[in-house]
Each structure stands twice: as C-alpha cells, then as structure tokens.
PDB file of all heavy atoms in Angstrom:
ATOM      1  N   ILE A   1       1.502 -17.669   9.077  1.00  0.00           N
ATOM      2  CA  ILE A   1       1.945 -17.021   7.830  1.00  0.00           C
ATOM      3  C   ILE A   1       3.331 -17.540   7.468  1.00  0.00           C
ATOM      4  O   ILE A   1       4.237 -17.578   8.297  1.00  0.00           O
ATOM      5  CB  ILE A   1       1.942 -15.486   7.982  1.00  0.00           C
ATOM      6  CG1 ILE A   1       0.505 -14.992   8.210  1.00  0.00           C
ATOM      7  CG2 ILE A   1       2.549 -14.815   6.751  1.00  0.00           C
ATOM      8  CD1 ILE A   1       0.399 -13.520   8.526  1.00  0.00           C
ATOM      9  N   GLY A   2       3.506 -17.940   6.227  1.00  0.00           N
ATOM     10  CA  GLY A   2       4.769 -18.531   5.793  1.00  0.00           C
ATOM     11  C   GLY A   2       5.902 -17.540   5.637  1.00  0.00           C
ATOM     12  O   GLY A   2       7.079 -17.924   5.646  1.00  0.00           O
ATOM     13  N   ASP A   3       5.585 -16.265   5.463  1.00  0.00           N
ATOM     14  CA  ASP A   3       6.625 -15.246   5.324  1.00  0.00           C
ATOM     15  C   ASP A   3       7.101 -14.805   6.702  1.00  0.00           C
ATOM     16  O   ASP A   3       6.282 -14.602   7.608  1.00  0.00           O
ATOM     17  CB  ASP A   3       6.095 -14.035   4.559  1.00  0.00           C
ATOM     18  CG  ASP A   3       5.779 -14.367   3.108  1.00  0.00           C
ATOM     19  OD1 ASP A   3       6.440 -15.275   2.558  1.00  0.00           O
ATOM     20  OD2 ASP A   3       4.893 -13.720   2.527  1.00  0.00           O
ATOM     21  N   PRO A   4       8.417 -14.631   6.884  1.00  0.00           N
ATOM     22  CA  PRO A   4       8.927 -14.121   8.157  1.00  0.00           C
ATOM     23  C   PRO A   4       8.353 -12.738   8.476  1.00  0.00           C
ATOM     24  O   PRO A   4       8.305 -11.860   7.610  1.00  0.00           O
ATOM     25  CB  PRO A   4      10.439 -14.058   7.938  1.00  0.00           C
ATOM     26  CG  PRO A   4      10.705 -15.072   6.879  1.00  0.00           C
ATOM     27  CD  PRO A   4       9.521 -15.016   5.976  1.00  0.00           C
ATOM     28  N   ILE A   5       7.915 -12.536   9.725  1.00  0.00           N
ATOM     29  CA  ILE A   5       7.345 -11.268  10.178  1.00  0.00           C
ATOM     30  C   ILE A   5       8.049 -10.847  11.460  1.00  0.00           C
ATOM     31  O   ILE A   5       8.365 -11.679  12.316  1.00  0.00           O
ATOM     32  CB  ILE A   5       5.829 -11.396  10.426  1.00  0.00           C
ATOM     33  CG1 ILE A   5       5.109 -11.735   9.112  1.00  0.00           C
ATOM     34  CG2 ILE A   5       5.243 -10.116  11.035  1.00  0.00           C
ATOM     35  CD1 ILE A   5       3.628 -12.006   9.288  1.00  0.00           C
ATOM     36  N   PHE A   6       8.276  -9.546  11.590  1.00  0.00           N
ATOM     37  CA  PHE A   6       8.894  -9.025  12.810  1.00  0.00           C
ATOM     38  C   PHE A   6       8.301  -7.665  13.140  1.00  0.00           C
ATOM     39  O   PHE A   6       7.751  -6.968  12.266  1.00  0.00           O
ATOM     40  CB  PHE A   6      10.419  -8.915  12.656  1.00  0.00           C
ATOM     41  CG  PHE A   6      10.852  -7.984  11.552  1.00  0.00           C
ATOM     42  CD1 PHE A   6      10.961  -6.611  11.760  1.00  0.00           C
ATOM     43  CD2 PHE A   6      11.162  -8.485  10.290  1.00  0.00           C
ATOM     44  CE1 PHE A   6      11.359  -5.761  10.756  1.00  0.00           C
ATOM     45  CE2 PHE A   6      11.550  -7.638   9.272  1.00  0.00           C
ATOM     46  CZ  PHE A   6      11.649  -6.265   9.506  1.00  0.00           C
ATOM     47  N   VAL A   7       8.406  -7.286  14.431  1.00  0.00           N
ATOM     48  CA  VAL A   7       8.056  -5.947  14.887  1.00  0.00           C
ATOM     49  C   VAL A   7       9.251  -5.430  15.681  1.00  0.00           C
ATOM     50  O   VAL A   7       9.796  -6.145  16.531  1.00  0.00           O
ATOM     51  CB  VAL A   7       6.793  -5.954  15.768  1.00  0.00           C
ATOM     52  CG1 VAL A   7       6.502  -4.536  16.277  1.00  0.00           C
ATOM     53  CG2 VAL A   7       5.593  -6.490  14.982  1.00  0.00           C
ATOM     54  N   LYS A   8       9.674  -4.190  15.386  1.00  0.00           N
ATOM     55  CA  LYS A   8      10.844  -3.610  16.048  1.00  0.00           C
ATOM     56  C   LYS A   8      10.445  -2.346  16.784  1.00  0.00           C
ATOM     57  O   LYS A   8       9.562  -1.590  16.346  1.00  0.00           O
ATOM     58  CB  LYS A   8      11.934  -3.284  15.030  1.00  0.00           C
ATOM     59  CG  LYS A   8      12.557  -4.518  14.379  1.00  0.00           C
ATOM     60  CD  LYS A   8      13.735  -4.137  13.491  1.00  0.00           C
ATOM     61  CE  LYS A   8      14.410  -5.380  12.901  1.00  0.00           C
ATOM     62  NZ  LYS A   8      15.588  -5.025  12.101  1.00  0.00           N
ATOM     63  N   ASP A   9      11.164  -2.101  17.912  1.00  0.00           N
ATOM     64  CA  ASP A   9      10.915  -0.869  18.658  1.00  0.00           C
ATOM     65  C   ASP A   9      11.803   0.248  18.105  1.00  0.00           C
ATOM     66  O   ASP A   9      12.486   0.082  17.088  1.00  0.00           O
ATOM     67  CB  ASP A   9      11.163  -1.083  20.154  1.00  0.00           C
ATOM     68  CG  ASP A   9      12.600  -1.506  20.445  1.00  0.00           C
ATOM     69  OD1 ASP A   9      13.480  -1.334  19.565  1.00  0.00           O
ATOM     70  OD2 ASP A   9      12.850  -2.017  21.555  1.00  0.00           O
ATOM     71  N   HIS A  10      11.799   1.391  18.811  1.00  0.00           N
ATOM     72  CA  HIS A  10      12.535   2.560  18.329  1.00  0.00           C
ATOM     73  C   HIS A  10      14.042   2.333  18.324  1.00  0.00           C
ATOM     74  O   HIS A  10      14.786   3.018  17.602  1.00  0.00           O
ATOM     75  CB  HIS A  10      12.181   3.793  19.178  1.00  0.00           C
ATOM     76  CG  HIS A  10      12.471   5.077  18.474  1.00  0.00           C
ATOM     77  ND1 HIS A  10      13.713   5.652  18.459  1.00  0.00           N
ATOM     78  CD2 HIS A  10      11.650   5.882  17.736  1.00  0.00           C
ATOM     79  CE1 HIS A  10      13.669   6.764  17.752  1.00  0.00           C
ATOM     80  NE2 HIS A  10      12.418   6.934  17.301  1.00  0.00           N
ATOM     81  N   GLN A  11      14.518   1.384  19.115  1.00  0.00           N
ATOM     82  CA  GLN A  11      15.949   1.060  19.127  1.00  0.00           C
ATOM     83  C   GLN A  11      16.283  -0.026  18.103  1.00  0.00           C
ATOM     84  O   GLN A  11      17.388  -0.574  18.112  1.00  0.00           O
ATOM     85  CB  GLN A  11      16.371   0.582  20.524  1.00  0.00           C
ATOM     86  CG  GLN A  11      16.557   1.695  21.540  1.00  0.00           C
ATOM     87  CD  GLN A  11      15.222   2.259  21.998  1.00  0.00           C
ATOM     88  OE1 GLN A  11      14.271   1.507  22.248  1.00  0.00           O
ATOM     89  NE2 GLN A  11      15.144   3.583  22.105  1.00  0.00           N
ATOM     90  N   LEU A  12      15.321  -0.314  17.224  1.00  0.00           N
ATOM     91  CA  LEU A  12      15.483  -1.284  16.143  1.00  0.00           C
ATOM     92  C   LEU A  12      15.723  -2.697  16.671  1.00  0.00           C
ATOM     93  O   LEU A  12      16.355  -3.524  16.017  1.00  0.00           O
ATOM     94  CB  LEU A  12      16.621  -0.873  15.185  1.00  0.00           C
ATOM     95  CG  LEU A  12      16.534   0.547  14.614  1.00  0.00           C
ATOM     96  CD1 LEU A  12      17.694   0.817  13.667  1.00  0.00           C
ATOM     97  CD2 LEU A  12      15.205   0.756  13.889  1.00  0.00           C
ATOM     98  N   ARG A  13      15.178  -2.981  17.867  1.00  0.00           N
ATOM     99  CA  ARG A  13      15.254  -4.317  18.446  1.00  0.00           C
ATOM    100  C   ARG A  13      13.946  -5.060  18.194  1.00  0.00           C
ATOM    101  O   ARG A  13      12.870  -4.461  18.207  1.00  0.00           O
ATOM    102  CB  ARG A  13      15.520  -4.243  19.957  1.00  0.00           C
ATOM    103  CG  ARG A  13      16.879  -3.653  20.328  1.00  0.00           C
ATOM    104  CD  ARG A  13      17.124  -3.832  21.832  1.00  0.00           C
ATOM    105  NE  ARG A  13      16.106  -3.144  22.611  1.00  0.00           N
ATOM    106  CZ  ARG A  13      16.270  -1.951  23.184  1.00  0.00           C
ATOM    107  NH1 ARG A  13      17.428  -1.321  23.054  1.00  0.00           N
ATOM    108  NH2 ARG A  13      15.300  -1.403  23.879  1.00  0.00           N
ATOM    109  N   ASN A  14      14.053  -6.370  17.995  1.00  0.00           N
ATOM    110  CA  ASN A  14      12.860  -7.192  17.764  1.00  0.00           C
ATOM    111  C   ASN A  14      12.042  -7.280  19.050  1.00  0.00           C
ATOM    112  O   ASN A  14      12.570  -7.612  20.108  1.00  0.00           O
ATOM    113  CB  ASN A  14      13.253  -8.604  17.326  1.00  0.00           C
ATOM    114  CG  ASN A  14      13.869  -8.638  15.937  1.00  0.00           C
ATOM    115  OD1 ASN A  14      13.447  -7.907  15.050  1.00  0.00           O
ATOM    116  ND2 ASN A  14      14.870  -9.478  15.745  1.00  0.00           N
ATOM    117  N   VAL A  15      10.746  -6.983  18.932  1.00  0.00           N
ATOM    118  CA  VAL A  15       9.839  -7.164  20.066  1.00  0.00           C
ATOM    119  C   VAL A  15       8.803  -8.238  19.753  1.00  0.00           C
ATOM    120  O   VAL A  15       8.107  -8.698  20.655  1.00  0.00           O
ATOM    121  CB  VAL A  15       9.141  -5.839  20.434  1.00  0.00           C
ATOM    122  CG1 VAL A  15      10.158  -4.815  20.920  1.00  0.00           C
ATOM    123  CG2 VAL A  15       8.337  -5.287  19.250  1.00  0.00           C
ATOM    124  N   LEU A  16       8.735  -8.662  18.486  1.00  0.00           N
ATOM    125  CA  LEU A  16       7.821  -9.740  18.097  1.00  0.00           C
ATOM    126  C   LEU A  16       8.371 -10.389  16.837  1.00  0.00           C
ATOM    127  O   LEU A  16       8.798  -9.701  15.903  1.00  0.00           O
ATOM    128  CB  LEU A  16       6.412  -9.198  17.846  1.00  0.00           C
ATOM    129  CG  LEU A  16       5.316 -10.238  17.535  1.00  0.00           C
ATOM    130  CD1 LEU A  16       3.974  -9.786  18.103  1.00  0.00           C
ATOM    131  CD2 LEU A  16       5.186 -10.485  16.035  1.00  0.00           C
ATOM    132  N   VAL A  17       8.363 -11.714  16.818  1.00  0.00           N
ATOM    133  CA  VAL A  17       8.779 -12.468  15.622  1.00  0.00           C
ATOM    134  C   VAL A  17       7.840 -13.654  15.475  1.00  0.00           C
ATOM    135  O   VAL A  17       7.252 -14.121  16.446  1.00  0.00           O
ATOM    136  CB  VAL A  17      10.237 -12.969  15.735  1.00  0.00           C
ATOM    137  CG1 VAL A  17      11.215 -11.808  15.771  1.00  0.00           C
ATOM    138  CG2 VAL A  17      10.421 -13.853  16.971  1.00  0.00           C
ATOM    139  N   ASN A  18       7.687 -14.154  14.250  1.00  0.00           N
ATOM    140  CA  ASN A  18       6.841 -15.345  14.055  1.00  0.00           C
ATOM    141  C   ASN A  18       7.718 -16.569  13.801  1.00  0.00           C
ATOM    142  O   ASN A  18       8.951 -16.492  13.713  1.00  0.00           O
ATOM    143  CB  ASN A  18       5.841 -15.114  12.921  1.00  0.00           C
ATOM    144  CG  ASN A  18       6.511 -15.042  11.550  1.00  0.00           C
ATOM    145  OD1 ASN A  18       7.710 -14.847  11.461  1.00  0.00           O
ATOM    146  ND2 ASN A  18       5.717 -15.190  10.499  1.00  0.00           N
ATOM    147  N   LYS A  19       7.046 -17.714  13.694  1.00  0.00           N
ATOM    148  CA  LYS A  19       7.772 -18.969  13.536  1.00  0.00           C
ATOM    149  C   LYS A  19       8.589 -18.996  12.252  1.00  0.00           C
ATOM    150  O   LYS A  19       9.674 -19.580  12.208  1.00  0.00           O
ATOM    151  CB  LYS A  19       6.780 -20.145  13.543  1.00  0.00           C
ATOM    152  CG  LYS A  19       6.209 -20.471  14.908  1.00  0.00           C
ATOM    153  CD  LYS A  19       5.297 -21.685  14.819  1.00  0.00           C
ATOM    154  CE  LYS A  19       4.742 -22.054  16.197  1.00  0.00           C
ATOM    155  NZ  LYS A  19       3.845 -23.238  16.125  1.00  0.00           N
ATOM    156  N   ALA A  20       8.067 -18.386  11.199  1.00  0.00           N
ATOM    157  CA  ALA A  20       8.768 -18.408   9.912  1.00  0.00           C
ATOM    158  C   ALA A  20      10.124 -17.716  10.026  1.00  0.00           C
ATOM    159  O   ALA A  20      11.114 -18.166   9.443  1.00  0.00           O
ATOM    160  CB  ALA A  20       7.910 -17.735   8.847  1.00  0.00           C
ATOM    161  N   LEU A  21      10.184 -16.616  10.801  1.00  0.00           N
ATOM    162  CA  LEU A  21      11.465 -15.920  10.976  1.00  0.00           C
ATOM    163  C   LEU A  21      12.424 -16.781  11.806  1.00  0.00           C
ATOM    164  O   LEU A  21      13.628 -16.823  11.517  1.00  0.00           O
ATOM    165  CB  LEU A  21      11.243 -14.564  11.647  1.00  0.00           C
ATOM    166  CG  LEU A  21      12.501 -13.690  11.770  1.00  0.00           C
ATOM    167  CD1 LEU A  21      13.060 -13.353  10.391  1.00  0.00           C
ATOM    168  CD2 LEU A  21      12.196 -12.399  12.528  1.00  0.00           C
ATOM    169  N   CYS A  22      11.892 -17.469  12.806  1.00  0.00           N
ATOM    170  CA  CYS A  22      12.730 -18.368  13.607  1.00  0.00           C
ATOM    171  C   CYS A  22      13.316 -19.478  12.740  1.00  0.00           C
ATOM    172  O   CYS A  22      14.501 -19.798  12.821  1.00  0.00           O
ATOM    173  CB  CYS A  22      11.922 -18.970  14.752  1.00  0.00           C
ATOM    174  SG  CYS A  22      11.332 -17.763  15.960  1.00  0.00           S
ATOM    175  N   ALA A  23      12.460 -20.050  11.881  1.00  0.00           N
ATOM    176  CA  ALA A  23      12.922 -21.130  11.012  1.00  0.00           C
ATOM    177  C   ALA A  23      13.956 -20.622  10.006  1.00  0.00           C
ATOM    178  O   ALA A  23      14.945 -21.303   9.716  1.00  0.00           O
ATOM    179  CB  ALA A  23      11.729 -21.753  10.283  1.00  0.00           C
ATOM    180  N   TRP A  24      13.733 -19.418   9.498  1.00  0.00           N
ATOM    181  CA  TRP A  24      14.635 -18.877   8.468  1.00  0.00           C
ATOM    182  C   TRP A  24      16.008 -18.567   9.044  1.00  0.00           C
ATOM    183  O   TRP A  24      17.024 -18.785   8.395  1.00  0.00           O
ATOM    184  CB  TRP A  24      14.011 -17.619   7.860  1.00  0.00           C
ATOM    185  CG  TRP A  24      14.591 -17.258   6.519  1.00  0.00           C
ATOM    186  CD1 TRP A  24      14.289 -17.817   5.314  1.00  0.00           C
ATOM    187  CD2 TRP A  24      15.591 -16.279   6.274  1.00  0.00           C
ATOM    188  NE1 TRP A  24      15.029 -17.239   4.324  1.00  0.00           N
ATOM    189  CE2 TRP A  24      15.843 -16.283   4.876  1.00  0.00           C
ATOM    190  CE3 TRP A  24      16.295 -15.384   7.085  1.00  0.00           C
ATOM    191  CZ2 TRP A  24      16.764 -15.438   4.279  1.00  0.00           C
ATOM    192  CZ3 TRP A  24      17.220 -14.544   6.483  1.00  0.00           C
ATOM    193  CH2 TRP A  24      17.452 -14.565   5.096  1.00  0.00           C
ATOM    194  N   THR A  25      16.029 -18.050  10.285  1.00  0.00           N
ATOM    195  CA  THR A  25      17.315 -17.696  10.910  1.00  0.00           C
ATOM    196  C   THR A  25      17.938 -18.877  11.648  1.00  0.00           C
ATOM    197  O   THR A  25      19.124 -18.833  12.001  1.00  0.00           O
ATOM    198  CB  THR A  25      17.119 -16.536  11.901  1.00  0.00           C
ATOM    199  OG1 THR A  25      16.157 -16.928  12.897  1.00  0.00           O
ATOM    200  CG2 THR A  25      16.647 -15.286  11.188  1.00  0.00           C
ATOM    201  N   GLY A  26      17.125 -19.947  11.911  1.00  0.00           N
ATOM    202  CA  GLY A  26      17.642 -21.087  12.661  1.00  0.00           C
ATOM    203  C   GLY A  26      17.804 -20.791  14.148  1.00  0.00           C
ATOM    204  O   GLY A  26      18.611 -21.444  14.828  1.00  0.00           O
TER     205      GLY A  26
END
C-alpha cells in the first residue's frame, strides 16, 4: 500500500509500520 500505515499500542508507541511510512520518515 502506497499510503503510510501504522498501528499503535495504548502507550501510543508504534507496534507495526509499513514500508511507505519508513520511506516517508526516512
């Protein structure tokens, strides 16, 4: 998926990210 995707836990920490988010943040 070309759009950045993330999943966060209750502490608002990333527990899953896709390649698009990695590319966008560098």
